[in-house]
Amino acid sequence: MKLIAIGKNKDKALQSLEKEYVKRLGAFTKMEVLEVKDEANEHMDREAEMELVKEKEGKRALSLIKEQDFVVLLDLHGKMVSSEQFAKDLDFWLQKTSNVVFVIAGSLGPSPDLSKRANVRWKLSDLTFTHLMTRILMLEQIYRAYMINNNRNYHK
């Protein structure tokens, strides 16, 4: 299982939390967190530049995705589900393939090609989080899903 994230995690506290959840997930699966270089986007008022940034970041993320991978894209326009439903969905996806890849696009959102490649577009919340916090929340929800699916006492 992989989590592909646009941008580098330079925050020591969040790096520690990320490592903790990857370690916890080790009881259930091998989790790999891959970082993709993000693009500077100082001209967020220019539509053409924003699209170019999304395209470059999207290509980098897509280069890490294999044809057989089942891709879950975090997307503001995706479907929001409960933790319980996410656990059921994850179990279903893992019955299809062991190659589940979660993707967190850059701050401007996913490129059209990355959106097209996604098997599922998932919305984490109506709230806005930093990309670094989103990484932690994703890892925590994946861990929570495994705990739910294994009837472990973490969820409540």
Protein backbone atom coordinates (compact mmCIF):
# COMPACT_ATOMS: atom_id res chain seq x y z
CA MET A 1 0.00 0.00 0.00
CA LYS A 2 1.25 3.47 -0.85
CA LEU A 3 0.46 7.04 0.02
CA ILE A 4 1.71 9.47 -2.62
CA ALA A 5 1.86 13.07 -1.44
CA ILE A 6 2.80 16.17 -3.39
CA GLY A 7 5.34 18.15 -1.38
CA LYS A 8 7.90 17.36 1.27
CA ASN A 9 7.16 16.98 4.98
CA LYS A 10 9.73 19.21 6.69
CA ASP A 11 7.89 19.45 10.02
CA LYS A 12 9.66 17.32 12.65
CA ALA A 13 6.55 16.80 14.80
CA LEU A 14 4.47 15.71 11.81
CA GLN A 15 7.32 13.50 10.55
CA SER A 16 7.24 11.78 13.93
CA LEU A 17 3.46 11.24 13.74
CA GLU A 18 3.76 9.98 10.16
CA LYS A 19 6.41 7.45 11.22
CA GLU A 20 4.24 6.36 14.15
CA TYR A 21 1.25 5.55 11.93
CA VAL A 22 3.42 3.82 9.33
CA LYS A 23 4.83 1.73 12.19
CA ARG A 24 1.35 0.92 13.52
CA LEU A 25 0.19 -0.05 10.04
CA GLY A 26 3.09 -2.49 9.88
CA ALA A 27 0.99 -4.92 11.94
CA PHE A 28 -1.42 -5.14 8.97
CA THR A 29 0.34 -4.06 5.80
CA LYS A 30 3.49 -2.52 4.40
CA MET A 31 2.78 1.20 4.03
CA GLU A 32 5.06 3.27 1.86
CA VAL A 33 4.87 7.08 1.89
CA LEU A 34 6.23 8.62 -1.30
CA GLU A 35 6.82 12.32 -1.69
CA VAL A 36 6.59 14.05 -5.06
CA LYS A 37 8.24 17.40 -5.68
CA ASP A 38 5.76 20.25 -5.62
CA GLU A 39 5.91 23.28 -7.88
CA ALA A 40 6.17 26.88 -6.78
CA ASN A 41 2.81 28.54 -7.40
CA GLU A 42 3.30 32.20 -6.62
CA HIS A 43 1.02 33.22 -9.51
CA MET A 44 -2.15 31.61 -8.23
CA ASP A 45 -4.15 34.38 -9.93
CA ARG A 46 -3.10 33.17 -13.38
CA GLU A 47 -5.26 30.27 -14.55
CA ALA A 48 -2.79 29.03 -17.19
CA GLU A 49 0.06 28.84 -14.67
CA MET A 50 -2.14 27.06 -12.15
CA GLU A 51 -3.04 24.42 -14.75
CA LEU A 52 0.63 23.99 -15.67
CA VAL A 53 1.55 23.47 -11.99
CA LYS A 54 -1.21 20.87 -11.59
CA GLU A 55 -0.09 19.10 -14.76
CA LYS A 56 3.57 18.91 -13.68
CA GLU A 57 2.69 17.65 -10.20
CA GLY A 58 0.15 15.22 -11.63
CA LYS A 59 2.72 13.73 -14.03
CA ARG A 60 5.15 13.18 -11.17
CA ALA A 61 2.47 11.41 -9.11
CA LEU A 62 1.32 9.34 -12.10
CA SER A 63 4.90 8.17 -12.70
CA LEU A 64 4.71 6.34 -9.34
CA ILE A 65 1.42 4.61 -10.14
CA LYS A 66 1.41 1.23 -11.87
CA GLU A 67 -1.24 0.04 -14.29
CA GLN A 68 -2.58 -2.55 -11.81
CA ASP A 69 -2.78 -0.08 -8.89
CA PHE A 70 -6.16 0.80 -7.43
CA VAL A 71 -5.99 4.58 -6.97
CA VAL A 72 -7.87 6.52 -4.31
CA LEU A 73 -7.50 10.25 -4.92
CA LEU A 74 -8.22 12.73 -2.17
CA ASP A 75 -10.35 15.31 -3.91
CA LEU A 76 -12.55 18.19 -2.74
CA HIS A 77 -15.15 16.96 -5.24
CA GLY A 78 -14.97 13.35 -4.10
CA LYS A 79 -17.37 11.34 -1.98
CA MET A 80 -17.28 11.74 1.79
CA VAL A 81 -17.81 8.60 3.90
CA SER A 82 -17.75 7.61 7.55
CA SER A 83 -14.81 5.75 9.08
CA GLU A 84 -16.93 2.60 9.16
CA GLN A 85 -17.76 2.89 5.46
CA PHE A 86 -14.16 3.65 4.61
CA ALA A 87 -13.13 0.46 6.45
CA LYS A 88 -15.65 -1.53 4.37
CA ASP A 89 -14.45 0.15 1.17
CA LEU A 90 -10.79 -0.53 1.98
CA ASP A 91 -11.57 -4.17 2.68
CA PHE A 92 -13.41 -4.41 -0.65
CA TRP A 93 -10.55 -2.75 -2.56
CA LEU A 94 -8.01 -5.07 -0.93
CA GLN A 95 -10.05 -8.07 -2.06
CA LYS A 96 -9.58 -6.83 -5.64
CA THR A 97 -5.88 -6.01 -5.36
CA SER A 98 -3.13 -5.54 -2.81
CA ASN A 99 -1.96 -2.50 -4.78
CA VAL A 100 -4.04 0.27 -3.21
CA VAL A 101 -2.50 3.70 -3.70
CA PHE A 102 -3.78 6.84 -1.98
CA VAL A 103 -2.87 10.15 -3.60
CA ILE A 104 -2.90 13.62 -2.06
CA ALA A 105 -2.61 16.16 -4.88
CA GLY A 106 -0.89 19.51 -4.60
CA SER A 107 -2.36 22.64 -3.07
CA LEU A 108 -4.04 23.60 -6.35
CA GLY A 109 -5.75 20.23 -6.66
CA PRO A 110 -5.29 17.28 -9.00
CA SER A 111 -4.51 17.48 -12.69
CA PRO A 112 -7.22 16.26 -15.07
CA ASP A 113 -5.05 13.21 -15.90
CA LEU A 114 -4.63 12.33 -12.23
CA SER A 115 -8.39 12.67 -11.69
CA LYS A 116 -9.06 10.41 -14.68
CA ARG A 117 -6.64 7.77 -13.38
CA ALA A 118 -8.37 7.59 -9.99
CA ASN A 119 -10.59 4.59 -9.37
CA VAL A 120 -12.18 6.43 -6.45
CA ARG A 121 -12.28 10.11 -5.57
CA TRP A 122 -12.61 10.55 -1.83
CA LYS A 123 -13.24 13.68 0.20
CA LEU A 124 -11.74 13.56 3.66
CA SER A 125 -13.84 16.39 5.11
CA ASP A 126 -15.64 19.63 4.38
CA LEU A 127 -13.00 21.27 6.56
CA THR A 128 -9.76 22.56 5.06
CA PHE A 129 -6.50 21.03 6.30
CA THR A 130 -2.89 21.69 5.41
CA HIS A 131 -1.38 19.09 3.11
CA LEU A 132 0.89 17.89 5.89
CA MET A 133 -2.03 17.41 8.28
CA THR A 134 -3.93 15.63 5.53
CA ARG A 135 -1.11 13.09 5.29
CA ILE A 136 -1.40 12.34 9.00
CA LEU A 137 -5.19 12.18 8.87
CA MET A 138 -5.05 9.80 5.90
CA LEU A 139 -2.60 7.47 7.64
CA GLU A 140 -4.71 7.58 10.80
CA GLN A 141 -7.89 6.73 8.87
CA ILE A 142 -6.18 3.84 7.10
CA TYR A 143 -4.97 2.56 10.47
CA ARG A 144 -8.47 3.05 11.93
CA ALA A 145 -9.95 1.09 9.02
CA TYR A 146 -7.62 -1.84 9.70
CA MET A 147 -8.52 -1.72 13.40
CA ILE A 148 -12.25 -1.72 12.57
CA ASN A 149 -11.84 -4.56 10.07
CA ASN A 150 -9.90 -6.61 12.63
CA ASN A 151 -12.37 -5.93 15.48
CA ARG A 152 -9.71 -4.16 17.51
CA ASN A 153 -10.53 -1.73 20.30
CA TYR A 154 -9.17 1.49 18.76
CA HIS A 155 -12.15 2.88 16.95
CA LYS A 156 -14.36 4.20 19.76
